[in-house]
N, C-alpha and C. Protein backbone atom coordinates (compact mmCIF):
# COMPACT_ATOMS: atom_id res chain seq x y z
N MET A 1 -131.32 228.47 217.65
CA MET A 1 -130.13 229.41 217.74
C MET A 1 -130.06 229.23 216.28
N VAL A 2 -129.49 231.00 215.85
CA VAL A 2 -129.90 231.10 215.13
C VAL A 2 -128.01 231.65 214.84
N ILE A 3 -128.07 231.12 213.06
CA ILE A 3 -125.92 232.10 212.97
C ILE A 3 -126.41 232.64 211.80
N ILE A 4 -125.32 233.70 211.93
CA ILE A 4 -125.67 234.57 210.89
C ILE A 4 -124.86 234.48 210.02
N ILE A 5 -124.65 234.08 208.24
CA ILE A 5 -123.65 234.01 207.72
C ILE A 5 -123.02 235.22 206.60
N LYS A 6 -121.23 235.24 206.28
CA LYS A 6 -121.65 236.72 206.24
C LYS A 6 -121.82 236.50 204.17
N LYS A 7 -122.07 237.24 203.48
CA LYS A 7 -122.73 237.30 202.47
C LYS A 7 -121.31 236.63 201.72
N GLY A 8 -121.33 236.57 200.74
CA GLY A 8 -121.32 236.09 199.94
C GLY A 8 -119.68 234.41 199.82
N THR A 9 -120.01 233.87 201.04
CA THR A 9 -120.56 232.76 201.89
C THR A 9 -120.67 231.59 200.52
N PRO A 10 -119.99 230.69 200.26
CA PRO A 10 -119.91 229.66 199.47
C PRO A 10 -120.79 229.39 199.59
N GLU A 11 -122.11 228.26 198.14
CA GLU A 11 -123.14 227.33 198.65
C GLU A 11 -122.96 226.31 199.26
N ALA A 12 -121.27 225.77 199.24
CA ALA A 12 -121.47 224.35 199.52
C ALA A 12 -120.83 224.42 200.75
N ALA A 13 -120.16 225.83 201.37
CA ALA A 13 -119.80 225.51 202.44
C ALA A 13 -121.25 225.76 203.79
N ILE A 14 -121.76 226.37 203.62
CA ILE A 14 -123.40 226.73 204.20
C ILE A 14 -123.57 224.90 204.16
N ARG A 15 -123.87 224.38 202.92
CA ARG A 15 -124.76 222.86 203.23
C ARG A 15 -124.22 222.19 203.55
N GLN A 16 -122.65 222.21 203.40
CA GLN A 16 -121.73 221.37 205.02
C GLN A 16 -122.22 221.07 206.17
N LEU A 17 -121.73 223.00 206.23
CA LEU A 17 -122.28 222.62 207.61
C LEU A 17 -124.06 222.62 208.12
N LEU A 18 -124.96 222.61 207.70
CA LEU A 18 -126.30 222.22 208.04
C LEU A 18 -126.07 220.47 207.57
N ALA A 19 -125.07 219.69 207.35
CA ALA A 19 -124.98 218.76 207.33
C ALA A 19 -124.75 218.26 208.46
N GLN A 20 -122.93 218.85 209.15
CA GLN A 20 -122.96 218.51 209.67
C GLN A 20 -124.09 218.69 211.51
N LEU A 21 -124.73 220.14 211.08
CA LEU A 21 -125.16 219.75 212.13
C LEU A 21 -126.25 219.06 212.17
N SER A 22 -126.65 218.75 211.05
CA SER A 22 -127.75 216.98 211.19
C SER A 22 -127.88 216.42 211.63
N MET A 23 -126.39 216.13 211.71
CA MET A 23 -125.52 215.26 212.16
C MET A 23 -125.61 214.47 213.70
N GLN A 24 -125.79 215.59 214.47
CA GLN A 24 -125.45 216.41 215.85
C GLN A 24 -127.82 216.34 216.42
N ASN A 25 -128.44 216.36 215.17
CA ASN A 25 -129.82 216.32 215.95
C ASN A 25 -130.47 217.73 215.80
N VAL A 26 -129.35 218.75 214.81
CA VAL A 26 -130.55 220.04 215.02
C VAL A 26 -130.03 219.86 212.95
N LYS A 27 -131.13 220.51 212.76
CA LYS A 27 -131.93 221.63 211.99
C LYS A 27 -132.26 222.53 211.17
N GLY A 28 -131.54 222.83 209.91
CA GLY A 28 -131.43 223.82 209.64
C GLY A 28 -131.96 224.70 208.84
N GLY A 29 -132.36 225.44 208.76
CA GLY A 29 -133.11 226.45 207.13
C GLY A 29 -132.17 227.32 206.81
N CYS A 30 -132.31 227.81 205.70
CA CYS A 30 -131.47 229.24 204.71
C CYS A 30 -132.18 230.86 204.55
N VAL A 31 -131.84 231.30 205.38
CA VAL A 31 -132.92 232.97 204.92
C VAL A 31 -131.79 233.37 203.76
N ALA A 32 -131.74 234.22 203.33
CA ALA A 32 -131.17 235.41 202.51
C ALA A 32 -131.65 236.49 202.57
N GLY A 33 -130.80 237.03 202.92
CA GLY A 33 -130.94 238.92 203.25
C GLY A 33 -130.12 239.97 202.40
N ALA A 34 -130.68 240.77 202.08
CA ALA A 34 -129.47 241.46 201.79
C ALA A 34 -127.85 241.89 201.86
N GLU A 35 -127.58 241.29 203.73
CA GLU A 35 -125.99 242.06 203.36
C GLU A 35 -125.78 240.65 204.37
N SER A 36 -126.01 239.75 204.65
CA SER A 36 -125.85 238.97 204.95
C SER A 36 -127.05 237.42 205.09
N ILE A 37 -126.76 236.55 205.70
CA ILE A 37 -127.33 234.29 205.14
C ILE A 37 -127.83 233.97 206.75
N LEU A 38 -129.19 234.17 206.70
CA LEU A 38 -129.58 233.90 208.18
C LEU A 38 -129.90 232.24 208.23
N LEU A 39 -129.50 231.31 209.33
CA LEU A 39 -129.78 229.87 209.42
C LEU A 39 -130.15 229.91 210.45
N PRO A 40 -131.88 229.80 211.04
CA PRO A 40 -131.89 229.56 211.83
C PRO A 40 -132.14 227.97 211.89
N LEU A 41 -131.52 227.13 213.66
CA LEU A 41 -131.79 226.14 213.62
C LEU A 41 -132.79 225.93 214.70
N VAL A 42 -132.94 224.27 214.41
CA VAL A 42 -134.38 223.80 215.66
C VAL A 42 -133.20 222.57 216.49
N GLY A 43 -133.43 221.81 217.26
CA GLY A 43 -133.44 220.58 217.71
C GLY A 43 -132.75 220.85 218.70
N GLU A 44 -131.65 219.87 219.17
CA GLU A 44 -130.37 219.76 220.19
C GLU A 44 -129.30 221.22 220.09
N THR A 45 -130.01 222.26 219.54
CA THR A 45 -129.15 223.54 219.98
C THR A 45 -128.00 223.59 221.35
N TRP A 46 -128.30 223.20 222.66
CA TRP A 46 -127.95 222.87 223.96
C TRP A 46 -126.62 222.53 223.70
N ARG A 47 -126.58 221.72 222.82
CA ARG A 47 -125.53 220.74 222.49
C ARG A 47 -124.24 221.49 221.90
N LEU A 48 -125.10 222.08 220.91
CA LEU A 48 -124.03 223.20 219.83
C LEU A 48 -123.05 224.20 221.60
N ASP A 49 -121.83 224.37 220.47
CA ASP A 49 -120.85 225.82 221.47
C ASP A 49 -121.27 226.72 220.78
N PRO A 50 -121.90 227.45 220.97
CA PRO A 50 -121.22 228.89 220.39
C PRO A 50 -120.04 228.92 219.78
N ASN A 51 -118.81 229.05 220.25
CA ASN A 51 -117.37 229.83 220.13
C ASN A 51 -117.48 228.58 218.83
N VAL A 52 -117.17 227.37 219.01
CA VAL A 52 -116.64 226.83 217.68
C VAL A 52 -117.05 227.19 216.79
N LEU A 53 -118.14 227.51 216.22
CA LEU A 53 -119.62 227.88 215.36
C LEU A 53 -119.16 229.22 214.84
N GLN A 54 -118.87 230.22 216.20
CA GLN A 54 -118.51 231.68 216.35
C GLN A 54 -116.61 231.74 214.99
N ALA A 55 -116.15 230.62 215.15
CA ALA A 55 -114.67 230.43 214.93
C ALA A 55 -114.74 229.59 213.75
N LEU A 56 -115.83 229.50 212.89
CA LEU A 56 -115.85 228.96 211.24
C LEU A 56 -114.79 230.37 210.44
N PRO A 57 -114.67 230.63 209.64
CA PRO A 57 -114.29 232.13 209.34
C PRO A 57 -115.62 232.56 208.49
N PHE A 58 -116.55 232.11 208.09
CA PHE A 58 -117.32 232.59 207.18
C PHE A 58 -119.13 233.15 208.29
N VAL A 59 -118.68 232.50 209.36
CA VAL A 59 -119.46 232.83 210.66
C VAL A 59 -119.36 234.19 211.02
N GLN A 60 -120.40 235.37 210.61
CA GLN A 60 -120.61 236.60 211.91
C GLN A 60 -120.90 236.51 212.67
N GLU A 61 -121.85 236.06 213.14
CA GLU A 61 -122.56 235.87 214.38
C GLU A 61 -123.35 234.44 214.51
N VAL A 62 -123.37 234.34 215.93
CA VAL A 62 -124.12 233.10 216.15
C VAL A 62 -125.12 233.98 218.15
N ARG A 63 -126.24 233.79 217.55
CA ARG A 63 -126.72 233.99 219.19
C ARG A 63 -127.59 232.74 219.70
N ARG A 64 -128.29 232.59 221.02
CA ARG A 64 -128.53 231.63 220.90
C ARG A 64 -130.19 231.95 221.69
N LEU A 65 -131.18 231.41 221.20
CA LEU A 65 -132.69 232.26 221.23
C LEU A 65 -133.49 232.23 222.63
N THR A 66 -132.50 231.01 223.04
CA THR A 66 -133.17 229.97 224.71
C THR A 66 -131.65 230.51 225.80
N PRO A 67 -132.16 231.26 227.23
CA PRO A 67 -130.97 231.11 227.29
C PRO A 67 -130.52 229.24 228.48
N PRO A 68 -129.03 229.58 228.22
CA PRO A 68 -128.49 227.94 229.21
C PRO A 68 -129.33 228.08 230.46
N TYR A 69 -129.81 229.15 230.87
CA TYR A 69 -130.39 228.75 232.32
C TYR A 69 -131.47 228.19 232.50
N ARG A 70 -132.76 228.39 230.41
CA ARG A 70 -133.89 227.56 230.86
C ARG A 70 -134.32 226.44 230.50
N LEU A 71 -132.53 225.87 230.44
CA LEU A 71 -132.10 224.88 229.44
C LEU A 71 -131.78 223.23 230.60
N ALA A 72 -132.03 224.41 231.61
CA ALA A 72 -130.99 223.45 232.77
C ALA A 72 -132.07 222.54 233.17
N GLY A 73 -133.76 222.58 233.43
CA GLY A 73 -134.39 221.42 233.10
C GLY A 73 -134.33 220.47 232.35
N VAL A 74 -134.42 220.93 231.29
CA VAL A 74 -134.62 219.75 230.28
C VAL A 74 -133.22 219.51 229.85
N ILE A 75 -132.44 219.39 230.58
CA ILE A 75 -130.99 218.47 231.11
C ILE A 75 -130.94 217.55 231.56
N THR A 76 -131.75 218.55 232.61
CA THR A 76 -131.52 217.20 234.03
C THR A 76 -132.77 216.87 234.56
N GLY A 77 -133.95 216.78 232.98
CA GLY A 77 -135.17 216.40 233.27
C GLY A 77 -136.71 216.82 234.51
N ARG A 78 -136.11 217.87 234.89
CA ARG A 78 -136.47 218.37 235.91
C ARG A 78 -136.99 220.51 235.32
N PRO A 79 -138.22 220.44 236.22
CA PRO A 79 -139.19 221.85 235.41
C PRO A 79 -137.61 223.10 235.59
N ALA A 80 -137.61 223.97 234.53
CA ALA A 80 -136.54 224.67 235.05
C ALA A 80 -136.69 226.01 236.01
N SER A 81 -137.89 225.46 236.20
CA SER A 81 -138.11 226.89 237.26
C SER A 81 -139.47 226.60 238.32
N ARG A 82 -139.29 226.55 239.23
CA ARG A 82 -140.02 226.36 240.50
C ARG A 82 -140.18 227.45 241.77
N CYS A 83 -141.62 227.80 241.80
CA CYS A 83 -141.92 228.82 242.79
C CYS A 83 -141.73 227.94 243.96
N ALA A 84 -142.18 229.05 245.11
CA ALA A 84 -140.98 228.12 246.72
C ALA A 84 -142.94 227.47 246.92
N SER A 85 -143.55 227.89 246.72
CA SER A 85 -144.90 227.68 246.79
C SER A 85 -145.15 226.00 246.47
N CYS A 86 -144.74 225.61 245.55
CA CYS A 86 -144.75 224.57 245.04
C CYS A 86 -143.70 224.09 245.74
N ILE A 87 -142.52 224.09 245.92
CA ILE A 87 -141.85 223.00 246.18
C ILE A 87 -141.95 222.91 248.27
N GLU A 88 -142.98 224.11 248.69
CA GLU A 88 -143.19 223.87 250.34
C GLU A 88 -144.34 222.29 250.44
N GLN A 89 -145.53 222.57 248.94
CA GLN A 89 -146.47 221.32 249.45
C GLN A 89 -145.30 219.90 249.45
């Protein structure tokens, strides 16, 4: 998951967000660009609700890098996809 932060956001707000994410087993970094700040996240990002993050006043955009259907196997403990020939055997 990647969070794009609006340029001009106070550093304290970004640090607080990263601290809150850390308590949810999600780690992040900070990459400053010309027009925005990028927060790449790793860890249990599937637990995060993008709509909640998007509602923060300094968040410009939230993007998932792994589609939710690929995570179904991770949550249930089963492989994410199986082919028909594997199931029949």
